[in-house]
Amino acid sequence: MRAAARGFTWDSDTPTFFPYHTQMPLNDVEQQLCDLVDARSGQLLVELAEHVAIPTGHNHTPGLDAYRDILIDQLSALGAGIEHIPGDARPKWIEQPSFSAESTKSEQEIPPTVIARKTCGEGPRILIVGHIDTVHDPNGSFQTLTIDHKQGTCVGPGCVDMKGGVLIAVTALEVLAQVGVELNWTFLLNSDEEMGSFYSEAALREAASGHDFGIVVEPALADGSLAVERMGSGQFMIEVFGQSAHVGRAFSDGESAVYKLAQIISSLSELADPDNGMIVNVGPLQGGEATNIVPDYAACWGNVRFTNSVIGDKLAQAIDALATDSQSLPRVKVNRHWNRPAKPLTDAVKLFAQAAAETASDLDQSLPQDSTGGVCDGNILQAVGLPTLDTLGVRGGNLHRPDEFVEIASLVERCQLLAVLLARIADGSVKIPSSK
């Protein structure tokens, strides 16, 4: 079997990982796939410019609908059946005071998750996930793709995170179909990854349970690496209810919610232990109406990161313990949701990552591996038991900034990598044990 020849073996009782690899020539089908992608290099850049020009940040419904429809048309043309999954409401307390009035209003629109599915019979089932939302203001000045051929880059809102990734994934499926590779695939498109995937989490979990391989086309890490291990993430909001009073006439009658919140924030800072996999960050804050009134309400929003479920549970218990009973004054209420489980480096992921790295090597590409504190939908997929690689998108940088860029060459290179890897999964060359 080619899987063994490509550098790894699997013993069902004792997983063993052998990282040796000798570069192997592409077979005829794989070479055809690469040639077809290379021939579409100009088209890839044109399509990326078109997609980037559609504003999909801040839950901008018109833009999300327009971009989603383009992708649905392309996937339908490949013979996929299309299903719209209604989104679930996310907790009200997630809303932060720093949100603009317009953003808060648009937040009430709950976008659907689209599942495009093509079945070709027996064989491995592959779930590809891409998000179509960005973080960029749909009414801001950063709206179009600017191409710099001299530097070999293009700059635009969402070009790397992750419209470039979605583009190469759809293109890979198109060239696979063009050369006649039969593949069981599902493409899930959600519209709220940048906001935590609260709307689409249930759809992600349901889809993950019915597949053998998971691929999320998030951009590569800064040096082009594949992220094989991610921290988990959670959100919290702490509210404090005090007693208002006039500062000059009745200060002692008041109970300052702000002072109590300050004590809580100090306690939260002591929980942080980055060297041991615990990150706690607080911000933004809210509290008080005027300097001459003892504030009766204060609140803070925060985020945690954790390397495994044990540490995640420890943080949850510590933060939950800050709450008081309903008769206390000041009274403390804790709202929290750990929405992205930690994504550890499992034996199945090691094998999948090795197969991707060896495919890259056969294409004269490099695919090193690394870990990250960042989170994505891959955390959710793997928590269900689906071995997932979630940085197979394009190379670039400056994510979430007004100078976000893509390395132009990576549009072709990463599309070729994805197409050949999918072909090898389809023909049985890449095999990994189920971790479900």
Protein backbone atom coordinates (compact mmCIF):
# COMPACT_ATOMS: atom_id res chain seq x y z
CA MET A 1 0.00 0.00 0.00
CA ARG A 2 1.24 3.48 -0.78
CA ALA A 3 0.42 4.68 2.75
CA ALA A 4 3.10 2.45 4.26
CA ALA A 5 5.57 3.35 1.53
CA ARG A 6 5.01 7.01 2.24
CA GLY A 7 6.43 6.80 5.71
CA PHE A 8 4.10 5.63 8.44
CA THR A 9 2.64 2.46 9.86
CA TRP A 10 -0.15 1.86 12.28
CA ASP A 11 -0.33 -0.87 14.90
CA SER A 12 -3.81 -1.02 16.39
CA ASP A 13 -2.43 -1.88 19.85
CA THR A 14 0.60 0.38 19.95
CA PRO A 15 0.53 3.46 17.73
CA THR A 16 3.95 4.05 16.21
CA PHE A 17 4.90 7.05 14.14
CA PHE A 18 7.81 6.79 11.70
CA PRO A 19 8.64 10.19 10.20
CA TYR A 20 10.93 8.96 7.40
CA HIS A 21 10.02 9.83 3.84
CA THR A 22 11.62 9.62 0.45
CA GLN A 23 10.13 11.93 -2.15
CA MET A 24 8.07 10.00 -4.67
CA PRO A 25 6.94 11.01 -8.17
CA LEU A 26 3.33 11.95 -8.75
CA ASN A 27 1.17 9.44 -10.58
CA ASP A 28 -0.60 10.42 -13.80
CA VAL A 29 -3.82 11.53 -12.09
CA GLU A 30 -1.95 13.62 -9.53
CA GLN A 31 0.10 15.28 -12.27
CA GLN A 32 -3.08 16.09 -14.20
CA LEU A 33 -4.55 17.69 -11.08
CA CYS A 34 -1.47 19.87 -10.63
CA ASP A 35 -1.43 20.89 -14.29
CA LEU A 36 -5.11 21.86 -14.19
CA VAL A 37 -4.61 23.97 -11.06
CA ASP A 38 -1.56 25.64 -12.56
CA ALA A 39 -3.54 26.49 -15.68
CA ARG A 40 -6.11 28.26 -13.48
CA SER A 41 -3.61 30.51 -11.67
CA GLY A 42 -4.93 33.66 -13.31
CA GLN A 43 -8.54 32.65 -12.72
CA LEU A 44 -7.82 32.02 -9.04
CA LEU A 45 -6.63 35.58 -8.61
CA VAL A 46 -9.64 36.98 -10.47
CA GLU A 47 -12.08 34.95 -8.38
CA LEU A 48 -10.33 35.92 -5.15
CA ALA A 49 -10.71 39.60 -6.06
CA GLU A 50 -14.41 39.06 -6.76
CA HIS A 51 -14.99 37.28 -3.45
CA VAL A 52 -12.99 39.77 -1.40
CA ALA A 53 -15.04 42.64 -2.87
CA ILE A 54 -18.17 41.17 -1.23
CA PRO A 55 -18.32 42.54 2.34
CA THR A 56 -19.01 39.73 4.80
CA GLY A 57 -17.82 41.17 8.10
CA HIS A 58 -19.90 42.06 11.18
CA ASN A 59 -22.64 39.62 10.16
CA HIS A 60 -23.45 41.74 7.11
CA THR A 61 -26.42 39.79 5.76
CA PRO A 62 -26.49 41.07 2.13
CA GLY A 63 -22.83 40.25 1.65
CA LEU A 64 -23.03 36.87 3.35
CA ASP A 65 -26.03 35.94 1.22
CA ALA A 66 -24.34 37.02 -2.01
CA TYR A 67 -21.06 35.20 -1.30
CA ARG A 68 -22.86 32.10 -0.05
CA ASP A 69 -24.97 31.94 -3.23
CA ILE A 70 -21.85 32.05 -5.44
CA LEU A 71 -20.36 29.10 -3.57
CA ILE A 72 -23.63 27.17 -3.59
CA ASP A 73 -23.82 27.54 -7.38
CA GLN A 74 -20.28 26.19 -7.77
CA LEU A 75 -20.83 23.23 -5.45
CA SER A 76 -24.21 22.44 -6.99
CA ALA A 77 -22.57 22.34 -10.41
CA LEU A 78 -20.38 19.53 -9.07
CA GLY A 79 -23.47 17.48 -8.27
CA ALA A 80 -23.76 18.29 -4.58
CA GLY A 81 -27.07 18.36 -2.78
CA ILE A 82 -27.58 21.54 -0.78
CA GLU A 83 -29.06 21.80 2.70
CA HIS A 84 -29.63 24.98 4.73
CA ILE A 85 -29.40 24.44 8.49
CA PRO A 86 -31.07 27.19 10.58
CA GLY A 87 -28.68 28.79 13.04
CA ASP A 88 -29.04 28.58 16.79
CA ALA A 89 -29.24 31.77 18.83
CA ARG A 90 -26.17 32.62 20.83
CA PRO A 91 -26.25 33.79 24.47
CA LYS A 92 -27.40 37.38 24.90
CA TRP A 93 -24.66 38.11 27.40
CA ILE A 94 -22.02 37.61 24.70
CA GLU A 95 -22.84 41.09 23.40
CA GLN A 96 -20.19 43.59 24.48
CA PRO A 97 -20.59 47.35 25.01
CA SER A 98 -17.85 48.06 22.48
CA PHE A 99 -20.10 46.82 19.68
CA SER A 100 -21.50 49.62 17.56
CA ALA A 101 -25.25 50.11 17.36
CA GLU A 102 -25.19 48.92 13.75
CA SER A 103 -23.25 45.76 14.61
CA THR A 104 -25.58 44.96 17.49
CA LYS A 105 -28.60 45.38 15.25
CA SER A 106 -27.16 43.12 12.54
CA GLU A 107 -26.24 40.56 15.18
CA GLN A 108 -29.93 39.76 15.53
CA GLU A 109 -29.85 38.19 12.06
CA ILE A 110 -29.02 34.52 12.51
CA PRO A 111 -27.43 33.19 9.30
CA PRO A 112 -27.90 29.60 8.16
CA THR A 113 -25.18 27.01 7.81
CA VAL A 114 -24.98 25.46 4.35
CA ILE A 115 -24.07 21.82 3.86
CA ALA A 116 -23.21 20.72 0.33
CA ARG A 117 -22.88 16.95 0.06
CA LYS A 118 -21.78 14.66 -2.75
CA THR A 119 -21.79 10.88 -2.34
CA CYS A 120 -20.11 8.53 -4.83
CA GLY A 121 -20.62 5.21 -3.09
CA GLU A 122 -18.32 3.38 -0.71
CA GLY A 123 -15.11 4.94 0.44
CA PRO A 124 -13.83 7.45 2.99
CA ARG A 125 -16.00 10.44 3.79
CA ILE A 126 -14.32 13.83 3.89
CA LEU A 127 -15.70 16.91 5.62
CA ILE A 128 -14.36 20.26 4.39
CA VAL A 129 -15.25 23.31 6.46
CA GLY A 130 -14.90 26.94 5.50
CA HIS A 131 -16.29 30.10 7.03
CA ILE A 132 -17.46 32.93 4.81
CA ASP A 133 -17.50 35.71 7.40
CA THR A 134 -14.61 38.10 8.12
CA VAL A 135 -13.87 40.60 10.89
CA HIS A 136 -13.78 43.63 8.60
CA ASP A 137 -16.28 46.50 8.66
CA PRO A 138 -18.62 46.26 5.65
CA ASN A 139 -18.81 50.06 5.62
CA GLY A 140 -15.11 50.69 6.14
CA SER A 141 -12.45 51.80 3.67
CA PHE A 142 -10.85 48.35 3.37
CA GLN A 143 -13.03 46.79 0.67
CA THR A 144 -11.05 45.51 -2.32
CA LEU A 145 -8.11 43.30 -3.29
CA THR A 146 -4.90 45.12 -4.19
CA ILE A 147 -2.39 43.04 -6.13
CA ASP A 148 1.37 43.61 -5.91
CA HIS A 149 3.01 41.28 -8.42
CA LYS A 150 6.45 42.62 -7.57
CA GLN A 151 6.08 41.56 -3.94
CA GLY A 152 4.10 38.46 -4.89
CA THR A 153 1.26 39.37 -2.55
CA CYS A 154 -2.27 40.70 -2.62
CA VAL A 155 -3.96 42.62 0.19
CA GLY A 156 -7.67 42.62 0.95
CA PRO A 157 -10.30 42.04 3.66
CA GLY A 158 -10.58 38.34 4.40
CA CYS A 159 -8.25 37.37 1.55
CA VAL A 160 -6.30 34.98 3.76
CA ASP A 161 -8.87 34.43 6.52
CA MET A 162 -10.42 32.72 4.81
CA LYS A 163 -11.72 33.53 1.35
CA GLY A 164 -8.47 32.31 -0.16
CA GLY A 165 -8.88 28.99 1.63
CA VAL A 166 -12.49 28.57 0.55
CA LEU A 167 -11.52 29.38 -3.03
CA ILE A 168 -8.77 26.76 -3.26
CA ALA A 169 -10.99 24.12 -1.65
CA VAL A 170 -13.77 24.63 -4.20
CA THR A 171 -11.21 24.71 -7.01
CA ALA A 172 -9.62 21.47 -5.78
CA LEU A 173 -13.02 19.75 -5.90
CA GLU A 174 -13.57 21.10 -9.41
CA VAL A 175 -10.31 19.75 -10.81
CA LEU A 176 -10.84 16.41 -9.04
CA ALA A 177 -14.18 16.12 -10.80
CA GLN A 178 -12.59 17.19 -14.07
CA VAL A 179 -10.14 14.26 -14.04
CA GLY A 180 -12.79 11.81 -12.83
CA VAL A 181 -11.69 11.21 -9.23
CA GLU A 182 -14.67 9.95 -7.28
CA LEU A 183 -14.80 11.31 -3.79
CA ASN A 184 -17.36 11.37 -0.99
CA TRP A 185 -17.24 14.92 0.27
CA THR A 186 -19.25 17.36 2.31
CA PHE A 187 -18.53 21.07 2.25
CA LEU A 188 -19.87 22.98 5.26
CA LEU A 189 -20.06 26.76 4.96
CA ASN A 190 -20.78 28.71 8.12
CA SER A 191 -21.12 32.44 8.59
CA ASP A 192 -20.14 33.05 12.21
CA GLU A 193 -16.73 31.49 12.85
CA GLU A 194 -15.21 34.88 13.67
CA MET A 195 -17.89 35.35 16.34
CA GLY A 196 -17.34 31.95 17.93
CA SER A 197 -19.49 29.63 15.76
CA PHE A 198 -22.34 29.80 18.26
CA TYR A 199 -24.90 29.81 15.44
CA SER A 200 -23.31 26.88 13.64
CA GLU A 201 -21.82 24.75 16.44
CA ALA A 202 -24.62 22.18 16.42
CA ALA A 203 -24.36 21.81 12.62
CA LEU A 204 -20.59 21.39 12.86
CA ARG A 205 -20.90 18.68 15.50
CA GLU A 206 -23.60 16.84 13.58
CA ALA A 207 -21.62 16.91 10.34
CA ALA A 208 -18.39 15.79 12.03
CA SER A 209 -20.00 12.65 13.40
CA GLY A 210 -20.63 11.26 9.91
CA HIS A 211 -17.15 11.58 8.38
CA ASP A 212 -13.69 10.00 8.46
CA PHE A 213 -11.43 12.96 7.67
CA GLY A 214 -11.83 16.62 8.60
CA ILE A 215 -10.25 19.52 6.71
CA VAL A 216 -10.67 23.17 7.65
CA VAL A 217 -9.16 25.65 5.22
CA GLU A 218 -7.95 28.18 7.76
CA PRO A 219 -4.75 29.91 6.62
CA ALA A 220 -1.38 28.38 7.38
CA LEU A 221 0.52 29.64 10.41
CA ALA A 222 2.82 32.61 9.89
CA ASP A 223 5.74 30.50 8.65
CA GLY A 224 3.54 28.27 6.49
CA SER A 225 3.27 25.57 9.16
CA LEU A 226 0.39 23.21 9.73
CA ALA A 227 -1.20 23.65 13.16
CA VAL A 228 -1.52 20.16 14.61
CA GLU A 229 -2.42 21.19 18.16
CA ARG A 230 -4.62 24.02 19.44
CA MET A 231 -5.62 25.36 22.81
CA GLY A 232 -9.28 25.43 23.79
CA SER A 233 -11.19 28.65 24.29
CA GLY A 234 -14.12 29.94 26.30
CA GLN A 235 -16.03 33.16 26.87
CA PHE A 236 -17.35 34.61 30.10
CA MET A 237 -19.18 37.65 31.41
CA ILE A 238 -19.25 38.57 35.09
CA GLU A 239 -21.96 40.94 36.36
CA VAL A 240 -21.93 42.69 39.73
CA PHE A 241 -25.07 44.20 41.26
CA GLY A 242 -24.51 46.71 44.07
CA GLN A 243 -26.44 49.53 45.75
CA SER A 244 -26.42 53.08 44.41
CA ALA A 245 -26.06 56.06 46.70
CA HIS A 246 -25.16 59.75 46.60
CA VAL A 247 -21.40 60.00 47.03
CA GLY A 248 -21.51 63.10 49.24
CA ARG A 249 -24.63 62.55 51.35
CA ALA A 250 -24.87 58.77 51.69
CA PHE A 251 -21.65 57.15 50.53
CA SER A 252 -21.68 54.55 53.32
CA ASP A 253 -25.16 53.44 52.31
CA GLY A 254 -23.91 52.36 48.91
CA GLU A 255 -22.30 49.14 47.74
CA SER A 256 -19.99 49.79 44.81
CA ALA A 257 -20.33 47.28 42.03
CA VAL A 258 -17.19 48.72 40.42
CA TYR A 259 -15.01 48.14 43.48
CA LYS A 260 -16.26 44.57 43.74
CA LEU A 261 -15.61 43.99 40.05
CA ALA A 262 -12.07 45.34 40.47
CA GLN A 263 -11.44 42.73 43.18
CA ILE A 264 -12.81 40.04 40.88
CA ILE A 265 -10.59 41.13 38.00
CA SER A 266 -7.58 40.97 40.33
CA SER A 267 -8.56 37.39 41.21
CA LEU A 268 -8.93 36.53 37.54
CA SER A 269 -5.45 37.84 36.78
CA GLU A 270 -4.03 35.48 39.40
CA LEU A 271 -5.59 32.53 37.59
CA ALA A 272 -3.55 33.16 34.47
CA ASP A 273 -0.57 30.82 34.15
CA PRO A 274 0.47 30.78 30.49
CA ASP A 275 3.50 28.57 31.10
CA ASN A 276 1.17 25.86 32.34
CA GLY A 277 -1.52 26.23 29.71
CA MET A 278 -3.90 28.69 31.41
CA ILE A 279 -4.66 32.07 29.84
CA VAL A 280 -7.25 34.47 31.25
CA ASN A 281 -7.91 37.82 29.60
CA VAL A 282 -10.43 40.48 30.68
CA GLY A 283 -11.87 43.26 28.55
CA PRO A 284 -13.99 45.21 27.80
CA LEU A 285 -15.43 46.67 31.01
CA GLN A 286 -18.63 48.46 31.93
CA GLY A 287 -19.68 50.22 35.12
CA GLY A 288 -20.93 53.45 36.64
CA GLU A 289 -22.90 56.35 35.25
CA ALA A 290 -21.43 59.39 36.99
CA THR A 291 -18.58 60.14 39.39
CA ASN A 292 -20.91 61.36 42.14
CA ILE A 293 -23.00 58.18 42.27
CA VAL A 294 -21.92 54.91 43.89
CA PRO A 295 -22.28 52.51 40.94
CA ASP A 296 -24.87 49.79 41.36
CA TYR A 297 -23.86 47.80 38.29
CA ALA A 298 -20.60 46.73 36.68
CA ALA A 299 -19.61 44.01 34.25
CA CYS A 300 -16.62 42.57 32.47
CA TRP A 301 -16.21 40.25 29.52
CA GLY A 302 -13.33 37.85 29.16
CA ASN A 303 -11.73 34.98 27.30
CA VAL A 304 -9.84 31.92 28.51
CA ARG A 305 -7.48 29.55 26.72
CA PHE A 306 -6.47 26.10 27.95
CA THR A 307 -4.31 23.27 26.66
CA ASN A 308 -6.57 20.39 27.69
CA SER A 309 -9.95 19.60 29.19
CA VAL A 310 -8.56 19.18 32.72
CA ILE A 311 -7.21 22.72 32.72
CA GLY A 312 -10.41 23.95 31.05
CA ASP A 313 -12.45 22.41 33.86
CA LYS A 314 -10.14 23.94 36.47
CA LEU A 315 -10.65 27.41 35.01
CA ALA A 316 -14.40 26.84 34.81
CA GLN A 317 -14.61 25.87 38.47
CA ALA A 318 -12.52 28.84 39.58
CA ILE A 319 -14.60 31.34 37.63
CA ASP A 320 -17.91 29.77 38.64
CA ALA A 321 -16.81 30.05 42.30
CA LEU A 322 -16.82 33.85 41.99
CA ALA A 323 -20.64 33.87 41.89
CA THR A 324 -22.57 34.69 45.06
CA ASP A 325 -26.04 33.74 46.23
CA SER A 326 -29.04 35.85 45.28
CA GLN A 327 -29.19 37.59 48.68
CA SER A 328 -25.61 38.87 48.70
CA LEU A 329 -24.77 42.53 48.29
CA PRO A 330 -22.90 43.10 46.13
CA ARG A 331 -24.27 40.17 44.16
CA VAL A 332 -22.10 38.47 41.55
CA LYS A 333 -23.46 36.57 38.56
CA VAL A 334 -21.22 34.49 36.27
CA ASN A 335 -22.15 33.75 32.66
CA ARG A 336 -19.80 31.54 30.69
CA HIS A 337 -19.56 29.14 27.78
CA TRP A 338 -16.49 27.11 26.82
CA ASN A 339 -17.30 27.01 23.12
CA ARG A 340 -14.06 25.63 21.64
CA PRO A 341 -12.63 22.48 23.26
CA ALA A 342 -8.88 21.97 23.24
CA LYS A 343 -7.55 20.20 20.12
CA PRO A 344 -4.72 17.89 21.16
CA LEU A 345 -2.22 16.17 18.91
CA THR A 346 -3.69 12.67 18.73
CA ASP A 347 -2.15 9.64 17.03
CA ALA A 348 -4.71 9.88 14.23
CA VAL A 349 -3.87 13.55 13.66
CA LYS A 350 -0.15 12.66 13.59
CA LEU A 351 -0.80 10.20 10.79
CA PHE A 352 -3.01 12.60 8.87
CA ALA A 353 -0.48 15.43 9.25
CA GLN A 354 2.31 13.13 8.11
CA ALA A 355 0.34 12.20 5.00
CA ALA A 356 -0.18 15.90 4.25
CA ALA A 357 3.51 16.65 4.83
CA GLU A 358 4.59 13.83 2.54
CA THR A 359 2.16 14.98 -0.12
CA ALA A 360 3.69 18.45 0.17
CA SER A 361 7.18 16.97 -0.16
CA ASP A 362 6.17 15.13 -3.32
CA LEU A 363 5.06 18.51 -4.68
CA ASP A 364 8.42 20.12 -3.71
CA GLN A 365 6.64 22.01 -0.96
CA SER A 366 7.38 22.20 2.76
CA LEU A 367 4.74 21.64 5.43
CA PRO A 368 6.27 21.91 8.91
CA GLN A 369 4.11 21.38 11.99
CA ASP A 370 3.50 23.54 15.03
CA SER A 371 1.02 24.27 17.82
CA THR A 372 -0.97 27.45 18.44
CA GLY A 373 -3.10 29.16 21.04
CA GLY A 374 -5.53 30.20 18.33
CA VAL A 375 -8.83 28.37 17.92
CA CYS A 376 -11.10 27.57 14.99
CA ASP A 377 -13.87 25.21 13.90
CA GLY A 378 -11.32 22.40 13.85
CA ASN A 379 -11.50 22.37 17.66
CA ILE A 380 -15.20 21.53 17.45
CA LEU A 381 -14.80 18.86 14.77
CA GLN A 382 -12.06 17.00 16.58
CA ALA A 383 -13.93 17.15 19.90
CA VAL A 384 -16.57 14.96 18.24
CA GLY A 385 -13.85 12.46 17.29
CA LEU A 386 -13.05 13.52 13.73
CA PRO A 387 -9.28 13.66 12.97
CA THR A 388 -8.91 17.15 11.56
CA LEU A 389 -6.26 19.26 9.84
CA ASP A 390 -7.33 22.88 10.03
CA THR A 391 -4.60 25.01 8.43
CA LEU A 392 -4.62 23.70 4.88
CA GLY A 393 -5.63 27.07 3.48
CA VAL A 394 -3.37 29.62 1.79
CA ARG A 395 -0.23 31.27 3.14
CA GLY A 396 -0.32 34.90 4.17
CA GLY A 397 -0.41 37.10 7.22
CA ASN A 398 -1.66 40.12 9.16
CA LEU A 399 -4.99 38.40 9.84
CA HIS A 400 -7.79 40.71 11.02
CA ARG A 401 -5.77 43.80 10.07
CA PRO A 402 -6.27 46.35 7.28
CA ASP A 403 -3.11 45.01 5.63
CA GLU A 404 -4.19 41.34 5.59
CA PHE A 405 -2.40 39.62 2.71
CA VAL A 406 -2.05 36.40 0.73
CA GLU A 407 1.10 35.07 -0.90
CA ILE A 408 -0.09 34.79 -4.50
CA ALA A 409 2.00 31.69 -5.22
CA SER A 410 0.22 29.84 -2.42
CA LEU A 411 -3.10 29.97 -4.27
CA VAL A 412 -1.75 27.45 -6.76
CA GLU A 413 0.59 25.58 -4.41
CA ARG A 414 -1.91 24.99 -1.63
CA CYS A 415 -4.67 24.15 -4.10
CA GLN A 416 -2.41 21.52 -5.65
CA LEU A 417 -1.57 20.17 -2.21
CA LEU A 418 -5.22 19.93 -1.27
CA ALA A 419 -6.26 18.33 -4.57
CA VAL A 420 -3.54 15.66 -4.43
CA LEU A 421 -4.16 14.94 -0.74
CA LEU A 422 -7.88 14.48 -1.43
CA ALA A 423 -7.07 12.18 -4.36
CA ARG A 424 -4.87 10.06 -2.13
CA ILE A 425 -7.61 9.81 0.47
CA ALA A 426 -10.06 8.81 -2.27
CA ASP A 427 -7.86 6.02 -3.65
CA GLY A 428 -7.07 4.63 -0.21
CA SER A 429 -3.44 5.68 -0.12
CA VAL A 430 -4.04 7.68 3.06
CA LYS A 431 -5.51 5.68 5.87
CA ILE A 432 -5.91 6.62 9.50
CA PRO A 433 -7.77 4.81 12.25
CA SER A 434 -11.05 6.20 13.46
CA SER A 435 -10.81 7.92 16.84
CA LYS A 436 -14.58 7.85 17.36
